[in-house]
Amino acid sequence: MTRKLTALCLLVSFIAMASSGLLMLVVDQPSFTLRLHPVHKLFGLLLVGAAGTHLALNARALRQHLRDGRVLAAGLVLAIVLVATYATAALRPLDDTAARQLDEAAERLEAGPAAR
C-alpha cells in the first residue's frame, strides 16, 4: 500500500509542479508567478516527501544503477549543474529595496483579499 500511495503522490505532485512551473515560465509576469506560488510550494513539499519515501523504498535498486559508470557520470553531471545553478542564483546581486517590495507583495497576495 505504501508503494501505491507513494507512486500516486509522486504522479500528482509531479503534474502540479511541472504544470505550475511551465505556466510560470510561459506567462512571464511576477503577478502570475505570485498567484501560482502557493500551488507550487504545497506540491513541492508533497513531491519532496514522496520522493524521499520512493528513494527509501528503492535504495537497493538505486545503488545497483549507480554501479554503471555511465549512470554515475550522468548523475554527477546533473549534480554539478544543480550546484552551479544554486550558486549562480545565490550570488546574483539583488536590490534590497526591490526584494523587500516583492516579499511584501507576495505576503499580501498569499494572505488573500480579506487581509488587504
PDB file of N, CA and C in Angstrom:
ATOM      1  N   MET A   1       0.817  -1.195   0.000  1.00  0.00           N
ATOM      2  CA  MET A   1       0.000   0.000   0.000  1.00  0.00           C
ATOM      3  C   MET A   1       0.867   1.269   0.000  1.00  0.00           C
ATOM      4  N   THR A   2       1.992   1.238   0.739  1.00  0.00           N
ATOM      5  CA  THR A   2       2.883   2.404   0.793  1.00  0.00           C
ATOM      6  C   THR A   2       3.426   2.739  -0.588  1.00  0.00           C
ATOM      7  N   ARG A   3       3.817   1.723  -1.335  1.00  0.00           N
ATOM      8  CA  ARG A   3       4.338   1.954  -2.685  1.00  0.00           C
ATOM      9  C   ARG A   3       3.280   2.571  -3.590  1.00  0.00           C
ATOM     10  N   LYS A   4       2.055   2.095  -3.491  1.00  0.00           N
ATOM     11  CA  LYS A   4       0.979   2.613  -4.329  1.00  0.00           C
ATOM     12  C   LYS A   4       0.673   4.069  -3.993  1.00  0.00           C
ATOM     13  N   LEU A   5       0.597   4.381  -2.701  1.00  0.00           N
ATOM     14  CA  LEU A   5       0.343   5.771  -2.296  1.00  0.00           C
ATOM     15  C   LEU A   5       1.507   6.687  -2.681  1.00  0.00           C
ATOM     16  N   THR A   6       2.721   6.177  -2.528  1.00  0.00           N
ATOM     17  CA  THR A   6       3.903   6.965  -2.910  1.00  0.00           C
ATOM     18  C   THR A   6       3.885   7.254  -4.407  1.00  0.00           C
ATOM     19  N   ALA A   7       3.574   6.241  -5.208  1.00  0.00           N
ATOM     20  CA  ALA A   7       3.513   6.435  -6.662  1.00  0.00           C
ATOM     21  C   ALA A   7       2.440   7.455  -7.029  1.00  0.00           C
ATOM     22  N   LEU A   8       1.289   7.378  -6.385  1.00  0.00           N
ATOM     23  CA  LEU A   8       0.212   8.325  -6.650  1.00  0.00           C
ATOM     24  C   LEU A   8       0.610   9.747  -6.252  1.00  0.00           C
ATOM     25  N   CYS A   9       1.221   9.884  -5.087  1.00  0.00           N
ATOM     26  CA  CYS A   9       1.677  11.210  -4.647  1.00  0.00           C
ATOM     27  C   CYS A   9       2.737  11.765  -5.581  1.00  0.00           C
ATOM     28  N   LEU A  10       3.649  10.911  -6.035  1.00  0.00           N
ATOM     29  CA  LEU A  10       4.670  11.356  -6.990  1.00  0.00           C
ATOM     30  C   LEU A  10       4.025  11.822  -8.291  1.00  0.00           C
ATOM     31  N   LEU A  11       3.055  11.078  -8.779  1.00  0.00           N
ATOM     32  CA  LEU A  11       2.395  11.431 -10.034  1.00  0.00           C
ATOM     33  C   LEU A  11       1.678  12.774  -9.920  1.00  0.00           C
ATOM     34  N   VAL A  12       0.833  12.921  -8.914  1.00  0.00           N
ATOM     35  CA  VAL A  12       0.040  14.146  -8.779  1.00  0.00           C
ATOM     36  C   VAL A  12       0.941  15.348  -8.487  1.00  0.00           C
ATOM     37  N   SER A  13       1.905  15.181  -7.588  1.00  0.00           N
ATOM     38  CA  SER A  13       2.773  16.312  -7.265  1.00  0.00           C
ATOM     39  C   SER A  13       3.672  16.682  -8.439  1.00  0.00           C
ATOM     40  N   PHE A  14       4.127  15.683  -9.210  1.00  0.00           N
ATOM     41  CA  PHE A  14       4.918  15.988 -10.399  1.00  0.00           C
ATOM     42  C   PHE A  14       4.092  16.784 -11.402  1.00  0.00           C
ATOM     43  N   ILE A  15       2.857  16.358 -11.641  1.00  0.00           N
ATOM     44  CA  ILE A  15       1.992  17.086 -12.583  1.00  0.00           C
ATOM     45  C   ILE A  15       1.770  18.521 -12.092  1.00  0.00           C
ATOM     46  N   ALA A  16       1.517  18.678 -10.802  1.00  0.00           N
ATOM     47  CA  ALA A  16       1.291  20.017 -10.247  1.00  0.00           C
ATOM     48  C   ALA A  16       2.541  20.889 -10.368  1.00  0.00           C
ATOM     49  N   MET A  17       3.691  20.331 -10.006  1.00  0.00           N
ATOM     50  CA  MET A  17       4.938  21.106 -10.075  1.00  0.00           C
ATOM     51  C   MET A  17       5.310  21.428 -11.516  1.00  0.00           C
ATOM     52  N   ALA A  18       5.194  20.456 -12.391  1.00  0.00           N
ATOM     53  CA  ALA A  18       5.562  20.669 -13.795  1.00  0.00           C
ATOM     54  C   ALA A  18       4.631  21.680 -14.446  1.00  0.00           C
ATOM     55  N   SER A  19       3.326  21.525 -14.230  1.00  0.00           N
ATOM     56  CA  SER A  19       2.384  22.438 -14.885  1.00  0.00           C
ATOM     57  C   SER A  19       2.498  23.852 -14.321  1.00  0.00           C
ATOM     58  N   SER A  20       2.622  23.988 -13.005  1.00  0.00           N
ATOM     59  CA  SER A  20       2.745  25.340 -12.447  1.00  0.00           C
ATOM     60  C   SER A  20       4.076  25.973 -12.838  1.00  0.00           C
ATOM     61  N   GLY A  21       5.146  25.182 -12.843  1.00  0.00           N
ATOM     62  CA  GLY A  21       6.447  25.708 -13.260  1.00  0.00           C
ATOM     63  C   GLY A  21       6.465  26.132 -14.714  1.00  0.00           C
ATOM     64  N   LEU A  22       5.896  25.304 -15.577  1.00  0.00           N
ATOM     65  CA  LEU A  22       5.838  25.661 -17.002  1.00  0.00           C
ATOM     66  C   LEU A  22       4.957  26.888 -17.230  1.00  0.00           C
ATOM     67  N   LEU A  23       3.839  26.967 -16.523  1.00  0.00           N
ATOM     68  CA  LEU A  23       2.979  28.149 -16.661  1.00  0.00           C
ATOM     69  C   LEU A  23       3.717  29.412 -16.228  1.00  0.00           C
ATOM     70  N   MET A  24       4.501  29.313 -15.150  1.00  0.00           N
ATOM     71  CA  MET A  24       5.260  30.477 -14.692  1.00  0.00           C
ATOM     72  C   MET A  24       6.330  30.875 -15.705  1.00  0.00           C
ATOM     73  N   LEU A  25       6.863  29.892 -16.440  1.00  0.00           N
ATOM     74  CA  LEU A  25       7.834  30.212 -17.486  1.00  0.00           C
ATOM     75  C   LEU A  25       7.162  30.865 -18.687  1.00  0.00           C
ATOM     76  N   VAL A  26       6.011  30.342 -19.076  1.00  0.00           N
ATOM     77  CA  VAL A  26       5.315  30.843 -20.259  1.00  0.00           C
ATOM     78  C   VAL A  26       4.688  32.212 -19.998  1.00  0.00           C
ATOM     79  N   VAL A  27       3.995  32.332 -18.878  1.00  0.00           N
ATOM     80  CA  VAL A  27       3.381  33.613 -18.502  1.00  0.00           C
ATOM     81  C   VAL A  27       4.393  34.320 -17.608  1.00  0.00           C
ATOM     82  N   ASP A  28       5.275  35.066 -18.210  1.00  0.00           N
ATOM     83  CA  ASP A  28       6.402  35.675 -17.504  1.00  0.00           C
ATOM     84  C   ASP A  28       5.986  36.997 -16.858  1.00  0.00           C
ATOM     85  N   GLN A  29       5.083  36.898 -15.890  1.00  0.00           N
ATOM     86  CA  GLN A  29       4.617  38.070 -15.154  1.00  0.00           C
ATOM     87  C   GLN A  29       4.736  37.773 -13.658  1.00  0.00           C
ATOM     88  N   PRO A  30       5.411  38.620 -12.902  1.00  0.00           N
ATOM     89  CA  PRO A  30       5.551  38.375 -11.467  1.00  0.00           C
ATOM     90  C   PRO A  30       4.209  38.192 -10.748  1.00  0.00           C
ATOM     91  N   SER A  31       3.181  38.918 -11.171  1.00  0.00           N
ATOM     92  CA  SER A  31       1.880  38.769 -10.511  1.00  0.00           C
ATOM     93  C   SER A  31       1.324  37.362 -10.708  1.00  0.00           C
ATOM     94  N   PHE A  32       1.501  36.804 -11.886  1.00  0.00           N
ATOM     95  CA  PHE A  32       1.033  35.447 -12.162  1.00  0.00           C
ATOM     96  C   PHE A  32       1.843  34.436 -11.355  1.00  0.00           C
ATOM     97  N   THR A  33       3.154  34.641 -11.298  1.00  0.00           N
ATOM     98  CA  THR A  33       4.021  33.759 -10.518  1.00  0.00           C
ATOM     99  C   THR A  33       3.603  33.763  -9.053  1.00  0.00           C
ATOM    100  N   LEU A  34       3.309  34.949  -8.524  1.00  0.00           N
ATOM    101  CA  LEU A  34       2.883  35.040  -7.128  1.00  0.00           C
ATOM    102  C   LEU A  34       1.559  34.329  -6.894  1.00  0.00           C
ATOM    103  N   ARG A  35       0.669  34.373  -7.870  1.00  0.00           N
ATOM    104  CA  ARG A  35      -0.619  33.695  -7.716  1.00  0.00           C
ATOM    105  C   ARG A  35      -0.466  32.184  -7.725  1.00  0.00           C
ATOM    106  N   LEU A  36       0.471  31.663  -8.509  1.00  0.00           N
ATOM    107  CA  LEU A  36       0.686  30.214  -8.567  1.00  0.00           C
ATOM    108  C   LEU A  36       1.615  29.694  -7.469  1.00  0.00           C
ATOM    109  N   HIS A  37       2.278  30.600  -6.788  1.00  0.00           N
ATOM    110  CA  HIS A  37       3.277  30.210  -5.803  1.00  0.00           C
ATOM    111  C   HIS A  37       2.742  29.270  -4.724  1.00  0.00           C
ATOM    112  N   PRO A  38       1.548  29.488  -4.156  1.00  0.00           N
ATOM    113  CA  PRO A  38       1.058  28.545  -3.139  1.00  0.00           C
ATOM    114  C   PRO A  38       0.898  27.115  -3.670  1.00  0.00           C
ATOM    115  N   VAL A  39       0.428  26.968  -4.895  1.00  0.00           N
ATOM    116  CA  VAL A  39       0.299  25.635  -5.503  1.00  0.00           C
ATOM    117  C   VAL A  39       1.683  25.006  -5.623  1.00  0.00           C
ATOM    118  N   HIS A  40       2.623  25.778  -6.136  1.00  0.00           N
ATOM    119  CA  HIS A  40       3.977  25.280  -6.365  1.00  0.00           C
ATOM    120  C   HIS A  40       4.639  24.876  -5.040  1.00  0.00           C
ATOM    121  N   LYS A  41       4.443  25.679  -3.989  1.00  0.00           N
ATOM    122  CA  LYS A  41       5.035  25.370  -2.689  1.00  0.00           C
ATOM    123  C   LYS A  41       4.425  24.118  -2.073  1.00  0.00           C
ATOM    124  N   LEU A  42       3.112  24.032  -2.048  1.00  0.00           N
ATOM    125  CA  LEU A  42       2.441  22.899  -1.416  1.00  0.00           C
ATOM    126  C   LEU A  42       2.809  21.584  -2.101  1.00  0.00           C
ATOM    127  N   PHE A  43       2.708  21.562  -3.421  1.00  0.00           N
ATOM    128  CA  PHE A  43       3.013  20.316  -4.122  1.00  0.00           C
ATOM    129  C   PHE A  43       4.513  20.050  -4.186  1.00  0.00           C
ATOM    130  N   GLY A  44       5.316  21.088  -4.020  1.00  0.00           N
ATOM    131  CA  GLY A  44       6.756  20.879  -3.891  1.00  0.00           C
ATOM    132  C   GLY A  44       7.078  20.111  -2.619  1.00  0.00           C
ATOM    133  N   LEU A  45       6.422  20.476  -1.526  1.00  0.00           N
ATOM    134  CA  LEU A  45       6.616  19.749  -0.266  1.00  0.00           C
ATOM    135  C   LEU A  45       6.138  18.300  -0.388  1.00  0.00           C
ATOM    136  N   LEU A  46       4.993  18.112  -1.018  1.00  0.00           N
ATOM    137  CA  LEU A  46       4.477  16.763  -1.225  1.00  0.00           C
ATOM    138  C   LEU A  46       5.442  15.953  -2.094  1.00  0.00           C
ATOM    139  N   LEU A  47       5.983  16.578  -3.131  1.00  0.00           N
ATOM    140  CA  LEU A  47       6.937  15.900  -4.010  1.00  0.00           C
ATOM    141  C   LEU A  47       8.188  15.482  -3.244  1.00  0.00           C
ATOM    142  N   VAL A  48       8.688  16.348  -2.392  1.00  0.00           N
ATOM    143  CA  VAL A  48       9.888  16.021  -1.606  1.00  0.00           C
ATOM    144  C   VAL A  48       9.615  14.830  -0.688  1.00  0.00           C
ATOM    145  N   GLY A  49       8.475  14.848  -0.018  1.00  0.00           N
ATOM    146  CA  GLY A  49       8.140  13.730   0.871  1.00  0.00           C
ATOM    147  C   GLY A  49       7.976  12.424   0.108  1.00  0.00           C
ATOM    148  N   ALA A  50       7.251  12.475  -0.992  1.00  0.00           N
ATOM    149  CA  ALA A  50       7.034  11.267  -1.787  1.00  0.00           C
ATOM    150  C   ALA A  50       8.337  10.770  -2.405  1.00  0.00           C
ATOM    151  N   ALA A  51       9.180  11.683  -2.854  1.00  0.00           N
ATOM    152  CA  ALA A  51      10.470  11.281  -3.432  1.00  0.00           C
ATOM    153  C   ALA A  51      11.360  10.647  -2.369  1.00  0.00           C
ATOM    154  N   GLY A  52      11.356  11.201  -1.170  1.00  0.00           N
ATOM    155  CA  GLY A  52      12.130  10.601  -0.078  1.00  0.00           C
ATOM    156  C   GLY A  52      11.660   9.193   0.237  1.00  0.00           C
ATOM    157  N   THR A  53      10.346   9.012   0.275  1.00  0.00           N
ATOM    158  CA  THR A  53       9.787   7.683   0.514  1.00  0.00           C
ATOM    159  C   THR A  53      10.164   6.738  -0.631  1.00  0.00           C
ATOM    160  N   HIS A  54      10.059   7.228  -1.860  1.00  0.00           N
ATOM    161  CA  HIS A  54      10.418   6.423  -3.036  1.00  0.00           C
ATOM    162  C   HIS A  54      11.888   6.003  -2.972  1.00  0.00           C
ATOM    163  N   LEU A  55      12.757   6.940  -2.614  1.00  0.00           N
ATOM    164  CA  LEU A  55      14.183   6.608  -2.520  1.00  0.00           C
ATOM    165  C   LEU A  55      14.439   5.583  -1.428  1.00  0.00           C
ATOM    166  N   ALA A  56      13.760   5.725  -0.303  1.00  0.00           N
ATOM    167  CA  ALA A  56      13.940   4.763   0.783  1.00  0.00           C
ATOM    168  C   ALA A  56      13.462   3.373   0.368  1.00  0.00           C
ATOM    169  N   LEU A  57      12.337   3.323  -0.335  1.00  0.00           N
ATOM    170  CA  LEU A  57      11.793   2.033  -0.767  1.00  0.00           C
ATOM    171  C   LEU A  57      12.622   1.383  -1.873  1.00  0.00           C
ATOM    172  N   ASN A  58      13.376   2.187  -2.610  1.00  0.00           N
ATOM    173  CA  ASN A  58      14.114   1.679  -3.773  1.00  0.00           C
ATOM    174  C   ASN A  58      15.620   1.912  -3.675  1.00  0.00           C
ATOM    175  N   ALA A  59      16.132   2.039  -2.463  1.00  0.00           N
ATOM    176  CA  ALA A  59      17.550   2.357  -2.265  1.00  0.00           C
ATOM    177  C   ALA A  59      18.453   1.280  -2.867  1.00  0.00           C
ATOM    178  N   ARG A  60      18.086   0.034  -2.714  1.00  0.00           N
ATOM    179  CA  ARG A  60      18.918  -1.052  -3.236  1.00  0.00           C
ATOM    180  C   ARG A  60      19.028  -0.980  -4.764  1.00  0.00           C
ATOM    181  N   ALA A  61      17.897  -0.782  -5.426  1.00  0.00           N
ATOM    182  CA  ALA A  61      17.903  -0.682  -6.891  1.00  0.00           C
ATOM    183  C   ALA A  61      18.707   0.539  -7.347  1.00  0.00           C
ATOM    184  N   LEU A  62      18.584   1.649  -6.629  1.00  0.00           N
ATOM    185  CA  LEU A  62      19.336   2.858  -6.982  1.00  0.00           C
ATOM    186  C   LEU A  62      20.839   2.608  -6.882  1.00  0.00           C
ATOM    187  N   ARG A  63      21.257   1.936  -5.811  1.00  0.00           N
ATOM    188  CA  ARG A  63      22.687   1.602  -5.677  1.00  0.00           C
ATOM    189  C   ARG A  63      23.160   0.728  -6.841  1.00  0.00           C
ATOM    190  N   GLN A  64      22.331  -0.196  -7.269  1.00  0.00           N
ATOM    191  CA  GLN A  64      22.693  -1.050  -8.407  1.00  0.00           C
ATOM    192  C   GLN A  64      22.822  -0.228  -9.689  1.00  0.00           C
ATOM    193  N   HIS A  65      21.923   0.729  -9.888  1.00  0.00           N
ATOM    194  CA  HIS A  65      22.005   1.592 -11.078  1.00  0.00           C
ATOM    195  C   HIS A  65      23.303   2.397 -11.074  1.00  0.00           C
ATOM    196  N   LEU A  66      23.701   2.865  -9.905  1.00  0.00           N
ATOM    197  CA  LEU A  66      24.891   3.716  -9.808  1.00  0.00           C
ATOM    198  C   LEU A  66      26.191   2.943 -10.023  1.00  0.00           C
ATOM    199  N   ARG A  67      26.119   1.638 -10.046  1.00  0.00           N
ATOM    200  CA  ARG A  67      27.316   0.840 -10.345  1.00  0.00           C
ATOM    201  C   ARG A  67      27.719   0.957 -11.809  1.00  0.00           C
ATOM    202  N   ASP A  68      26.762   1.322 -12.653  1.00  0.00           N
ATOM    203  CA  ASP A  68      27.045   1.564 -14.070  1.00  0.00           C
ATOM    204  C   ASP A  68      27.744   2.916 -14.165  1.00  0.00           C
ATOM    205  N   GLY A  69      28.955   2.940 -14.674  1.00  0.00           N
ATOM    206  CA  GLY A  69      29.751   4.163 -14.735  1.00  0.00           C
ATOM    207  C   GLY A  69      29.087   5.290 -15.502  1.00  0.00           C
ATOM    208  N   ARG A  70      28.362   4.949 -16.565  1.00  0.00           N
ATOM    209  CA  ARG A  70      27.680   5.977 -17.362  1.00  0.00           C
ATOM    210  C   ARG A  70      26.557   6.633 -16.557  1.00  0.00           C
ATOM    211  N   VAL A  71      25.837   5.829 -15.810  1.00  0.00           N
ATOM    212  CA  VAL A  71      24.753   6.367 -14.976  1.00  0.00           C
ATOM    213  C   VAL A  71      25.338   7.240 -13.867  1.00  0.00           C
ATOM    214  N   LEU A  72      26.406   6.773 -13.255  1.00  0.00           N
ATOM    215  CA  LEU A  72      27.076   7.550 -12.212  1.00  0.00           C
ATOM    216  C   LEU A  72      27.589   8.875 -12.779  1.00  0.00           C
ATOM    217  N   ALA A  73      28.186   8.837 -13.964  1.00  0.00           N
ATOM    218  CA  ALA A  73      28.695  10.063 -14.594  1.00  0.00           C
ATOM    219  C   ALA A  73      27.561  11.041 -14.890  1.00  0.00           C
ATOM    220  N   ALA A  74      26.461  10.520 -15.411  1.00  0.00           N
ATOM    221  CA  ALA A  74      25.303  11.380 -15.694  1.00  0.00           C
ATOM    222  C   ALA A  74      24.781  12.004 -14.406  1.00  0.00           C
ATOM    223  N   GLY A  75      24.722  11.216 -13.350  1.00  0.00           N
ATOM    224  CA  GLY A  75      24.278  11.736 -12.058  1.00  0.00           C
ATOM    225  C   GLY A  75      25.198  12.825 -11.529  1.00  0.00           C
ATOM    226  N   LEU A  76      26.496  12.632 -11.690  1.00  0.00           N
ATOM    227  CA  LEU A  76      27.465  13.646 -11.251  1.00  0.00           C
ATOM    228  C   LEU A  76      27.327  14.933 -12.060  1.00  0.00           C
ATOM    229  N   VAL A  77      27.144  14.795 -13.371  1.00  0.00           N
ATOM    230  CA  VAL A  77      26.954  15.991 -14.208  1.00  0.00           C
ATOM    231  C   VAL A  77      25.710  16.742 -13.766  1.00  0.00           C
ATOM    232  N   LEU A  78      24.616  16.028 -13.529  1.00  0.00           N
ATOM    233  CA  LEU A  78      23.380  16.683 -13.070  1.00  0.00           C
ATOM    234  C   LEU A  78      23.581  17.357 -11.717  1.00  0.00           C
ATOM    235  N   ALA A  79      24.304  16.702 -10.819  1.00  0.00           N
ATOM    236  CA  ALA A  79      24.571  17.291  -9.504  1.00  0.00           C
ATOM    237  C   ALA A  79      25.407  18.565  -9.635  1.00  0.00           C
ATOM    238  N   ILE A  80      26.394  18.552 -10.527  1.00  0.00           N
ATOM    239  CA  ILE A  80      27.228  19.741 -10.745  1.00  0.00           C
ATOM    240  C   ILE A  80      26.396  20.885 -11.321  1.00  0.00           C
ATOM    241  N   VAL A  81      25.531  20.564 -12.285  1.00  0.00           N
ATOM    242  CA  VAL A  81      24.648  21.592 -12.858  1.00  0.00           C
ATOM    243  C   VAL A  81      23.734  22.164 -11.776  1.00  0.00           C
ATOM    244  N   LEU A  82      23.211  21.316 -10.908  1.00  0.00           N
ATOM    245  CA  LEU A  82      22.349  21.774  -9.813  1.00  0.00           C
ATOM    246  C   LEU A  82      23.091  22.721  -8.883  1.00  0.00           C
ATOM    247  N   VAL A  83      24.281  22.326  -8.455  1.00  0.00           N
ATOM    248  CA  VAL A  83      25.072  23.170  -7.551  1.00  0.00           C
ATOM    249  C   VAL A  83      25.444  24.483  -8.235  1.00  0.00           C
ATOM    250  N   ALA A  84      25.833  24.435  -9.495  1.00  0.00           N
ATOM    251  CA  ALA A  84      26.195  25.651 -10.229  1.00  0.00           C
ATOM    252  C   ALA A  84      24.995  26.589 -10.370  1.00  0.00           C
ATOM    253  N   THR A  85      23.823  26.019 -10.609  1.00  0.00           N
ATOM    254  CA  THR A  85      22.621  26.839 -10.736  1.00  0.00           C
ATOM    255  C   THR A  85      22.287  27.515  -9.412  1.00  0.00           C
ATOM    256  N   TYR A  86      22.353  26.753  -8.316  1.00  0.00           N
ATOM    257  CA  TYR A  86      22.114  27.347  -6.992  1.00  0.00           C
ATOM    258  C   TYR A  86      23.149  28.432  -6.688  1.00  0.00           C
ATOM    259  N   ALA A  87      24.412  28.174  -7.005  1.00  0.00           N
ATOM    260  CA  ALA A  87      25.466  29.164  -6.738  1.00  0.00           C
ATOM    261  C   ALA A  87      25.224  30.430  -7.548  1.00  0.00           C
ATOM    262  N   THR A  88      24.842  30.273  -8.805  1.00  0.00           N
ATOM    263  CA  THR A  88      24.552  31.433  -9.649  1.00  0.00           C
ATOM    264  C   THR A  88      23.404  32.254  -9.071  1.00  0.00           C
ATOM    265  N   ALA A  89      22.362  31.569  -8.640  1.00  0.00           N
ATOM    266  CA  ALA A  89      21.209  32.269  -8.062  1.00  0.00           C
ATOM    267  C   ALA A  89      21.577  32.951  -6.751  1.00  0.00           C
ATOM    268  N   ALA A  90      22.357  32.272  -5.911  1.00  0.00           N
ATOM    269  CA  ALA A  90      22.715  32.829  -4.601  1.00  0.00           C
ATOM    270  C   ALA A  90      23.655  34.029  -4.728  1.00  0.00           C
ATOM    271  N   LEU A  91      24.510  34.017  -5.725  1.00  0.00           N
ATOM    272  CA  LEU A  91      25.495  35.086  -5.877  1.00  0.00           C
ATOM    273  C   LEU A  91      25.005  36.241  -6.746  1.00  0.00           C
ATOM    274  N   ARG A  92      23.828  36.084  -7.326  1.00  0.00           N
ATOM    275  CA  ARG A  92      23.280  37.124  -8.196  1.00  0.00           C
ATOM    276  C   ARG A  92      22.871  38.334  -7.363  1.00  0.00           C
ATOM    277  N   PRO A  93      23.365  39.532  -7.726  1.00  0.00           N
ATOM    278  CA  PRO A  93      23.014  40.715  -6.946  1.00  0.00           C
ATOM    279  C   PRO A  93      21.531  41.049  -7.088  1.00  0.00           C
ATOM    280  N   LEU A  94      20.943  41.490  -5.986  1.00  0.00           N
ATOM    281  CA  LEU A  94      19.541  41.858  -5.976  1.00  0.00           C
ATOM    282  C   LEU A  94      19.378  43.082  -5.089  1.00  0.00           C
ATOM    283  N   ASP A  95      18.718  44.085  -5.613  1.00  0.00           N
ATOM    284  CA  ASP A  95      18.485  45.313  -4.865  1.00  0.00           C
ATOM    285  C   ASP A  95      17.622  45.004  -3.637  1.00  0.00           C
ATOM    286  N   ASP A  96      18.107  45.402  -2.445  1.00  0.00           N
ATOM    287  CA  ASP A  96      17.400  45.109  -1.201  1.00  0.00           C
ATOM    288  C   ASP A  96      15.999  45.722  -1.163  1.00  0.00           C
ATOM    289  N   THR A  97      15.855  46.926  -1.665  1.00  0.00           N
ATOM    290  CA  THR A  97      14.545  47.579  -1.660  1.00  0.00           C
ATOM    291  C   THR A  97      13.560  46.840  -2.561  1.00  0.00           C
ATOM    292  N   ALA A  98      14.005  46.479  -3.743  1.00  0.00           N
ATOM    293  CA  ALA A  98      13.136  45.745  -4.666  1.00  0.00           C
ATOM    294  C   ALA A  98      12.775  44.382  -4.095  1.00  0.00           C
ATOM    295  N   ALA A  99      13.738  43.711  -3.480  1.00  0.00           N
ATOM    296  CA  ALA A  99      13.478  42.405  -2.879  1.00  0.00           C
ATOM    297  C   ALA A  99      12.447  42.527  -1.757  1.00  0.00           C
ATOM    298  N   ARG A 100      12.585  43.539  -0.937  1.00  0.00           N
ATOM    299  CA  ARG A 100      11.635  43.750   0.168  1.00  0.00           C
ATOM    300  C   ARG A 100      10.235  44.012  -0.376  1.00  0.00           C
ATOM    301  N   GLN A 101      10.141  44.824  -1.428  1.00  0.00           N
ATOM    302  CA  GLN A 101       8.838  45.098  -2.034  1.00  0.00           C
ATOM    303  C   GLN A 101       8.200  43.830  -2.602  1.00  0.00           C
ATOM    304  N   LEU A 102       8.997  43.003  -3.246  1.00  0.00           N
ATOM    305  CA  LEU A 102       8.486  41.731  -3.771  1.00  0.00           C
ATOM    306  C   LEU A 102       8.005  40.819  -2.643  1.00  0.00           C
ATOM    307  N   ASP A 103       8.784  40.744  -1.574  1.00  0.00           N
ATOM    308  CA  ASP A 103       8.397  39.914  -0.434  1.00  0.00           C
ATOM    309  C   ASP A 103       7.084  40.390   0.188  1.00  0.00           C
ATOM    310  N   GLU A 104       6.949  41.695   0.327  1.00  0.00           N
ATOM    311  CA  GLU A 104       5.715  42.249   0.902  1.00  0.00           C
ATOM    312  C   GLU A 104       4.519  41.996  -0.018  1.00  0.00           C
ATOM    313  N   ALA A 105       4.715  42.150  -1.305  1.00  0.00           N
ATOM    314  CA  ALA A 105       3.634  41.885  -2.264  1.00  0.00           C
ATOM    315  C   ALA A 105       3.226  40.414  -2.223  1.00  0.00           C
ATOM    316  N   ALA A 106       4.192  39.537  -2.130  1.00  0.00           N
ATOM    317  CA  ALA A 106       3.890  38.105  -2.062  1.00  0.00           C
ATOM    318  C   ALA A 106       3.112  37.773  -0.797  1.00  0.00           C
ATOM    319  N   GLU A 107       3.503  38.360   0.322  1.00  0.00           N
ATOM    320  CA  GLU A 107       2.777  38.126   1.582  1.00  0.00           C
ATOM    321  C   GLU A 107       1.335  38.592   1.479  1.00  0.00           C
ATOM    322  N   ARG A 108       1.134  39.778   0.912  1.00  0.00           N
ATOM    323  CA  ARG A 108      -0.239  40.299   0.762  1.00  0.00           C
ATOM    324  C   ARG A 108      -1.067  39.410  -0.158  1.00  0.00           C
ATOM    325  N   LEU A 109      -0.464  38.972  -1.260  1.00  0.00           N
ATOM    326  CA  LEU A 109      -1.201  38.143  -2.212  1.00  0.00           C
ATOM    327  C   LEU A 109      -1.540  36.793  -1.636  1.00  0.00           C
ATOM    328  N   GLU A 110      -0.609  36.176  -0.925  1.00  0.00           N
ATOM    329  CA  GLU A 110      -0.867  34.868  -0.331  1.00  0.00           C
ATOM    330  C   GLU A 110      -1.850  34.945   0.826  1.00  0.00           C
ATOM    331  N   ALA A 111      -1.945  36.108   1.472  1.00  0.00           N
ATOM    332  CA  ALA A 111      -2.875  36.264   2.587  1.00  0.00           C
ATOM    333  C   ALA A 111      -4.320  36.302   2.091  1.00  0.00           C
ATOM    334  N   GLY A 112      -4.508  36.702   0.850  1.00  0.00           N
ATOM    335  CA  GLY A 112      -5.865  36.743   0.277  1.00  0.00           C
ATOM    336  C   GLY A 112      -6.496  38.104   0.398  1.00  0.00           C
ATOM    337  N   PRO A 113      -7.666  38.271  -0.214  1.00  0.00           N
ATOM    338  CA  PRO A 113      -8.317  39.593  -0.254  1.00  0.00           C
ATOM    339  C   PRO A 113      -8.780  40.077   1.118  1.00  0.00           C
ATOM    340  N   ALA A 114      -9.066  39.180   2.045  1.00  0.00           N
ATOM    341  CA  ALA A 114      -9.550  39.592   3.360  1.00  0.00           C
ATOM    342  C   ALA A 114      -8.484  40.341   4.149  1.00  0.00           C
ATOM    343  N   ALA A 115      -7.216  40.044   3.912  1.00  0.00           N
ATOM    344  CA  ALA A 115      -6.127  40.672   4.647  1.00  0.00           C
ATOM    345  C   ALA A 115      -5.750  42.039   4.092  1.00  0.00           C
ATOM    346  N   ARG A 116      -6.238  42.384   2.921  1.00  0.00           N
ATOM    347  CA  ARG A 116      -5.848  43.660   2.294  1.00  0.00           C
ATOM    348  C   ARG A 116      -6.611  44.736   2.893  1.00  0.00           C
TER     349      ARG A 116
END
